[in-house]
Amino acid sequence: MQFRAAKKSASDVYINEPVETDKDGNALTLMDLIDDGIDIHEQVDILIRSRQLYGFLRECLDERELDIIIYRYGLYGSKPHTQNETAKKMGISRSYVSRLEKKAIGKLKKMFDNASI
């Protein structure tokens, strides 16, 4: 019975088990070989902050500020645009877009700062 169990697990490969060595003689695991270079912790943090951002957008911005931020930064899957393009679309000056954008970003930053406490 024990031999059967050993035979079944003989072909098992574990992700942290050394499978090779590098040119310096260091052991390489399967995890090292399949690593794509993306930091999973950073990806999770970005996802969490993105969800927070989308929640904060509707919570603290007025309609015009929201339209400008969405159009400028390409949120909700749209393409990002310049301040000039945003100004033309909104029918206002580029400098006014800049002021509204700065004000909206300030509000969002304040929301993030308060959420971190």
N, C-alpha and C. Protein backbone atom coordinates (compact mmCIF):
# COMPACT_ATOMS: atom_id res chain seq x y z
N MET A 1 0.82 -1.19 0.00
CA MET A 1 0.00 0.00 0.00
C MET A 1 0.86 1.26 0.00
N GLN A 2 1.90 1.24 0.81
CA GLN A 2 2.79 2.39 0.89
C GLN A 2 3.53 2.60 -0.44
N PHE A 3 3.88 1.50 -1.10
CA PHE A 3 4.57 1.61 -2.39
C PHE A 3 3.65 2.22 -3.46
N ARG A 4 2.37 1.87 -3.42
CA ARG A 4 1.41 2.46 -4.36
C ARG A 4 1.29 3.97 -4.14
N ALA A 5 1.20 4.38 -2.88
CA ALA A 5 1.09 5.80 -2.56
C ALA A 5 2.35 6.54 -3.00
N ALA A 6 3.51 5.94 -2.79
CA ALA A 6 4.77 6.56 -3.19
C ALA A 6 4.86 6.65 -4.71
N LYS A 7 4.37 5.61 -5.41
CA LYS A 7 4.41 5.60 -6.87
C LYS A 7 3.49 6.68 -7.44
N LYS A 8 2.32 6.89 -6.82
CA LYS A 8 1.38 7.90 -7.28
C LYS A 8 1.96 9.31 -7.15
N SER A 9 2.69 9.55 -6.07
CA SER A 9 3.22 10.90 -5.83
C SER A 9 4.63 11.07 -6.40
N ALA A 10 5.19 10.06 -7.02
CA ALA A 10 6.55 10.15 -7.56
C ALA A 10 6.64 11.16 -8.70
N SER A 11 5.59 11.36 -9.43
CA SER A 11 5.62 12.30 -10.55
C SER A 11 5.10 13.69 -10.17
N ASP A 12 4.78 13.92 -8.92
CA ASP A 12 4.31 15.23 -8.47
C ASP A 12 5.46 16.23 -8.53
N VAL A 13 5.14 17.44 -8.97
CA VAL A 13 6.12 18.51 -9.03
C VAL A 13 5.60 19.65 -8.15
N TYR A 14 6.47 20.15 -7.29
CA TYR A 14 6.09 21.22 -6.40
C TYR A 14 6.72 22.53 -6.87
N ILE A 15 5.98 23.60 -6.72
CA ILE A 15 6.39 24.89 -7.28
C ILE A 15 7.66 25.44 -6.61
N ASN A 16 7.91 25.10 -5.35
CA ASN A 16 9.09 25.61 -4.65
C ASN A 16 10.25 24.61 -4.64
N GLU A 17 10.10 23.52 -5.32
CA GLU A 17 11.13 22.49 -5.38
C GLU A 17 12.19 22.86 -6.42
N PRO A 18 13.48 22.75 -6.07
CA PRO A 18 14.52 23.07 -7.05
C PRO A 18 14.42 22.16 -8.28
N VAL A 19 14.49 22.75 -9.47
CA VAL A 19 14.41 21.96 -10.69
C VAL A 19 15.66 22.12 -11.55
N GLU A 20 16.45 23.15 -11.26
CA GLU A 20 17.61 23.47 -12.09
C GLU A 20 18.56 24.34 -11.27
N THR A 21 19.72 24.62 -11.83
CA THR A 21 20.63 25.58 -11.19
C THR A 21 21.00 26.63 -12.24
N ASP A 22 21.27 27.84 -11.75
CA ASP A 22 21.69 28.89 -12.69
C ASP A 22 23.19 28.82 -12.91
N LYS A 23 23.76 29.75 -13.68
CA LYS A 23 25.18 29.70 -14.02
C LYS A 23 26.09 29.89 -12.80
N ASP A 24 25.54 30.47 -11.71
CA ASP A 24 26.32 30.64 -10.48
C ASP A 24 26.14 29.48 -9.51
N GLY A 25 25.35 28.49 -9.90
CA GLY A 25 25.14 27.33 -9.05
C GLY A 25 23.99 27.47 -8.06
N ASN A 26 23.23 28.54 -8.16
CA ASN A 26 22.08 28.74 -7.28
C ASN A 26 20.90 27.90 -7.76
N ALA A 27 20.17 27.34 -6.82
CA ALA A 27 19.01 26.51 -7.16
C ALA A 27 17.90 27.38 -7.73
N LEU A 28 17.29 26.92 -8.81
CA LEU A 28 16.14 27.58 -9.42
C LEU A 28 14.91 26.71 -9.22
N THR A 29 13.85 27.33 -8.74
CA THR A 29 12.60 26.60 -8.55
C THR A 29 11.71 26.82 -9.77
N LEU A 30 10.66 26.04 -9.81
CA LEU A 30 9.68 26.20 -10.89
C LEU A 30 9.09 27.61 -10.87
N MET A 31 8.90 28.14 -9.67
CA MET A 31 8.38 29.50 -9.51
C MET A 31 9.32 30.51 -10.17
N ASP A 32 10.63 30.33 -10.02
CA ASP A 32 11.59 31.23 -10.64
C ASP A 32 11.50 31.17 -12.15
N LEU A 33 11.27 29.99 -12.68
CA LEU A 33 11.26 29.80 -14.12
C LEU A 33 9.99 30.34 -14.79
N ILE A 34 8.87 30.33 -14.07
CA ILE A 34 7.61 30.80 -14.66
C ILE A 34 7.24 32.21 -14.23
N ASP A 35 8.06 32.83 -13.40
CA ASP A 35 7.78 34.19 -12.94
C ASP A 35 7.72 35.15 -14.13
N ASP A 36 6.67 35.97 -14.20
CA ASP A 36 6.51 36.90 -15.31
C ASP A 36 7.01 38.30 -14.99
N GLY A 37 7.59 38.48 -13.80
CA GLY A 37 8.16 39.77 -13.43
C GLY A 37 7.15 40.75 -12.86
N ILE A 38 5.91 40.37 -12.78
CA ILE A 38 4.87 41.26 -12.24
C ILE A 38 4.75 41.00 -10.74
N ASP A 39 4.81 42.07 -9.98
CA ASP A 39 4.67 41.98 -8.53
C ASP A 39 3.18 41.87 -8.20
N ILE A 40 2.78 40.71 -7.72
CA ILE A 40 1.36 40.45 -7.44
C ILE A 40 0.82 41.39 -6.36
N HIS A 41 1.67 41.74 -5.38
CA HIS A 41 1.22 42.65 -4.32
C HIS A 41 0.92 44.03 -4.90
N GLU A 42 1.76 44.47 -5.83
CA GLU A 42 1.54 45.76 -6.47
C GLU A 42 0.26 45.73 -7.31
N GLN A 43 0.02 44.64 -8.02
CA GLN A 43 -1.18 44.51 -8.84
C GLN A 43 -2.44 44.55 -7.97
N VAL A 44 -2.41 43.89 -6.83
CA VAL A 44 -3.56 43.88 -5.92
C VAL A 44 -3.78 45.29 -5.37
N ASP A 45 -2.70 45.98 -5.01
CA ASP A 45 -2.81 47.34 -4.49
C ASP A 45 -3.42 48.27 -5.54
N ILE A 46 -2.99 48.14 -6.79
CA ILE A 46 -3.54 48.96 -7.87
C ILE A 46 -5.03 48.67 -8.05
N LEU A 47 -5.40 47.41 -8.00
CA LEU A 47 -6.81 47.04 -8.15
C LEU A 47 -7.66 47.63 -7.02
N ILE A 48 -7.17 47.54 -5.80
CA ILE A 48 -7.91 48.09 -4.65
C ILE A 48 -8.06 49.60 -4.79
N ARG A 49 -6.96 50.27 -5.13
CA ARG A 49 -7.01 51.73 -5.27
C ARG A 49 -7.88 52.17 -6.45
N SER A 50 -7.89 51.37 -7.51
CA SER A 50 -8.76 51.69 -8.65
C SER A 50 -10.22 51.62 -8.25
N ARG A 51 -10.56 50.58 -7.51
CA ARG A 51 -11.96 50.46 -7.05
C ARG A 51 -12.33 51.61 -6.14
N GLN A 52 -11.37 52.01 -5.27
CA GLN A 52 -11.62 53.16 -4.39
C GLN A 52 -11.85 54.41 -5.23
N LEU A 53 -10.99 54.61 -6.23
CA LEU A 53 -11.10 55.79 -7.09
C LEU A 53 -12.47 55.87 -7.74
N TYR A 54 -12.93 54.77 -8.32
CA TYR A 54 -14.22 54.79 -9.00
C TYR A 54 -15.35 55.08 -8.01
N GLY A 55 -15.21 54.64 -6.78
CA GLY A 55 -16.20 54.96 -5.76
C GLY A 55 -16.15 56.43 -5.38
N PHE A 56 -14.94 56.97 -5.24
CA PHE A 56 -14.77 58.37 -4.86
C PHE A 56 -15.22 59.33 -5.96
N LEU A 57 -15.09 58.94 -7.22
CA LEU A 57 -15.45 59.83 -8.32
C LEU A 57 -16.87 60.35 -8.18
N ARG A 58 -17.80 59.45 -7.98
CA ARG A 58 -19.22 59.83 -7.90
C ARG A 58 -19.57 60.42 -6.54
N GLU A 59 -18.75 60.09 -5.54
CA GLU A 59 -19.04 60.54 -4.19
C GLU A 59 -18.67 62.01 -3.97
N CYS A 60 -17.56 62.45 -4.56
CA CYS A 60 -17.09 63.80 -4.19
C CYS A 60 -17.03 64.81 -5.34
N LEU A 61 -17.21 64.38 -6.58
CA LEU A 61 -17.10 65.32 -7.70
C LEU A 61 -18.48 65.71 -8.21
N ASP A 62 -18.58 66.98 -8.64
CA ASP A 62 -19.84 67.37 -9.28
C ASP A 62 -19.82 66.85 -10.72
N GLU A 63 -20.92 67.02 -11.42
CA GLU A 63 -21.06 66.42 -12.76
C GLU A 63 -20.02 66.92 -13.75
N ARG A 64 -19.75 68.20 -13.75
CA ARG A 64 -18.77 68.77 -14.69
C ARG A 64 -17.36 68.26 -14.39
N GLU A 65 -16.99 68.26 -13.12
CA GLU A 65 -15.66 67.74 -12.73
C GLU A 65 -15.53 66.28 -13.11
N LEU A 66 -16.58 65.51 -12.88
CA LEU A 66 -16.58 64.09 -13.21
C LEU A 66 -16.39 63.89 -14.72
N ASP A 67 -17.13 64.64 -15.52
CA ASP A 67 -16.99 64.54 -16.98
C ASP A 67 -15.57 64.86 -17.43
N ILE A 68 -14.99 65.90 -16.86
CA ILE A 68 -13.63 66.30 -17.23
C ILE A 68 -12.62 65.22 -16.86
N ILE A 69 -12.70 64.70 -15.65
CA ILE A 69 -11.75 63.66 -15.20
C ILE A 69 -11.89 62.39 -16.04
N ILE A 70 -13.11 61.98 -16.31
CA ILE A 70 -13.33 60.77 -17.12
C ILE A 70 -12.77 60.97 -18.53
N TYR A 71 -13.06 62.11 -19.14
CA TYR A 71 -12.62 62.37 -20.51
C TYR A 71 -11.09 62.56 -20.57
N ARG A 72 -10.54 63.32 -19.62
CA ARG A 72 -9.10 63.60 -19.61
C ARG A 72 -8.26 62.35 -19.42
N TYR A 73 -8.67 61.49 -18.49
CA TYR A 73 -7.83 60.35 -18.11
C TYR A 73 -8.28 59.03 -18.71
N GLY A 74 -9.30 59.05 -19.52
CA GLY A 74 -9.72 57.83 -20.21
C GLY A 74 -10.27 56.77 -19.27
N LEU A 75 -11.07 57.19 -18.31
CA LEU A 75 -11.65 56.23 -17.36
C LEU A 75 -12.82 55.50 -18.00
N TYR A 76 -13.22 54.41 -17.39
CA TYR A 76 -14.33 53.57 -17.87
C TYR A 76 -14.07 53.07 -19.29
N GLY A 77 -12.81 52.80 -19.59
CA GLY A 77 -12.45 52.20 -20.87
C GLY A 77 -12.38 53.15 -22.04
N SER A 78 -12.48 54.45 -21.77
CA SER A 78 -12.39 55.41 -22.89
C SER A 78 -10.93 55.82 -23.10
N LYS A 79 -10.69 56.55 -24.17
CA LYS A 79 -9.36 57.01 -24.53
C LYS A 79 -9.05 58.32 -23.79
N PRO A 80 -7.84 58.48 -23.25
CA PRO A 80 -7.49 59.76 -22.60
C PRO A 80 -7.35 60.88 -23.64
N HIS A 81 -7.63 62.11 -23.22
CA HIS A 81 -7.56 63.26 -24.12
C HIS A 81 -6.76 64.39 -23.47
N THR A 82 -6.31 65.31 -24.30
CA THR A 82 -5.56 66.46 -23.80
C THR A 82 -6.53 67.48 -23.21
N GLN A 83 -5.94 68.48 -22.53
CA GLN A 83 -6.78 69.55 -22.00
C GLN A 83 -7.44 70.33 -23.13
N ASN A 84 -6.74 70.51 -24.22
CA ASN A 84 -7.33 71.23 -25.37
C ASN A 84 -8.53 70.47 -25.94
N GLU A 85 -8.38 69.16 -26.11
CA GLU A 85 -9.49 68.35 -26.62
C GLU A 85 -10.67 68.38 -25.65
N THR A 86 -10.36 68.32 -24.37
CA THR A 86 -11.41 68.36 -23.34
C THR A 86 -12.13 69.71 -23.38
N ALA A 87 -11.36 70.77 -23.52
CA ALA A 87 -11.95 72.12 -23.58
C ALA A 87 -12.90 72.25 -24.76
N LYS A 88 -12.49 71.76 -25.92
CA LYS A 88 -13.35 71.82 -27.11
C LYS A 88 -14.64 71.03 -26.89
N LYS A 89 -14.51 69.83 -26.32
CA LYS A 89 -15.70 69.00 -26.09
C LYS A 89 -16.66 69.66 -25.09
N MET A 90 -16.09 70.27 -24.04
CA MET A 90 -16.92 70.85 -22.98
C MET A 90 -17.39 72.27 -23.32
N GLY A 91 -16.79 72.87 -24.35
CA GLY A 91 -17.16 74.24 -24.72
C GLY A 91 -16.65 75.28 -23.74
N ILE A 92 -15.49 75.03 -23.13
CA ILE A 92 -14.88 75.96 -22.18
C ILE A 92 -13.41 76.15 -22.57
N SER A 93 -12.74 77.08 -21.90
CA SER A 93 -11.33 77.33 -22.22
C SER A 93 -10.43 76.24 -21.62
N ARG A 94 -9.24 76.11 -22.20
CA ARG A 94 -8.28 75.13 -21.70
C ARG A 94 -7.85 75.46 -20.27
N SER A 95 -7.70 76.74 -19.98
CA SER A 95 -7.29 77.13 -18.62
C SER A 95 -8.38 76.80 -17.60
N TYR A 96 -9.64 76.89 -18.00
CA TYR A 96 -10.73 76.53 -17.10
C TYR A 96 -10.75 75.01 -16.86
N VAL A 97 -10.46 74.25 -17.92
CA VAL A 97 -10.34 72.80 -17.78
C VAL A 97 -9.24 72.50 -16.77
N SER A 98 -8.12 73.19 -16.89
CA SER A 98 -6.99 72.99 -15.99
C SER A 98 -7.38 73.26 -14.54
N ARG A 99 -8.09 74.37 -14.31
CA ARG A 99 -8.52 74.72 -12.94
C ARG A 99 -9.50 73.68 -12.38
N LEU A 100 -10.48 73.29 -13.20
CA LEU A 100 -11.46 72.30 -12.73
C LEU A 100 -10.80 70.95 -12.47
N GLU A 101 -9.87 70.58 -13.35
CA GLU A 101 -9.15 69.32 -13.19
C GLU A 101 -8.34 69.34 -11.89
N LYS A 102 -7.63 70.42 -11.65
CA LYS A 102 -6.82 70.55 -10.43
C LYS A 102 -7.71 70.46 -9.18
N LYS A 103 -8.84 71.13 -9.23
CA LYS A 103 -9.79 71.12 -8.10
C LYS A 103 -10.32 69.70 -7.86
N ALA A 104 -10.68 69.01 -8.95
CA ALA A 104 -11.21 67.64 -8.83
C ALA A 104 -10.16 66.69 -8.29
N ILE A 105 -8.94 66.81 -8.78
CA ILE A 105 -7.85 65.94 -8.29
C ILE A 105 -7.58 66.21 -6.82
N GLY A 106 -7.67 67.47 -6.42
CA GLY A 106 -7.51 67.82 -5.00
C GLY A 106 -8.57 67.15 -4.14
N LYS A 107 -9.81 67.16 -4.61
CA LYS A 107 -10.90 66.51 -3.88
C LYS A 107 -10.65 65.00 -3.76
N LEU A 108 -10.22 64.40 -4.87
CA LEU A 108 -9.95 62.95 -4.86
C LEU A 108 -8.79 62.63 -3.94
N LYS A 109 -7.75 63.45 -3.95
CA LYS A 109 -6.60 63.22 -3.06
C LYS A 109 -7.04 63.29 -1.59
N LYS A 110 -7.88 64.26 -1.30
CA LYS A 110 -8.39 64.39 0.07
C LYS A 110 -9.17 63.14 0.50
N MET A 111 -9.96 62.61 -0.43
CA MET A 111 -10.71 61.38 -0.14
C MET A 111 -9.77 60.21 0.14
N PHE A 112 -8.73 60.08 -0.69
CA PHE A 112 -7.74 59.01 -0.48
C PHE A 112 -7.02 59.19 0.84
N ASP A 113 -6.63 60.41 1.16
CA ASP A 113 -5.92 60.67 2.41
C ASP A 113 -6.79 60.32 3.61
N ASN A 114 -8.06 60.69 3.56
CA ASN A 114 -8.98 60.38 4.66
C ASN A 114 -9.27 58.89 4.76
N ALA A 115 -9.27 58.20 3.63
CA ALA A 115 -9.54 56.76 3.64
C ALA A 115 -8.36 55.98 4.20
N SER A 116 -7.16 56.52 4.11
CA SER A 116 -5.96 55.84 4.58
C SER A 116 -5.82 55.90 6.08
N ILE A 117 -6.52 56.82 6.71
CA ILE A 117 -6.38 57.00 8.17
C ILE A 117 -7.09 55.93 8.92
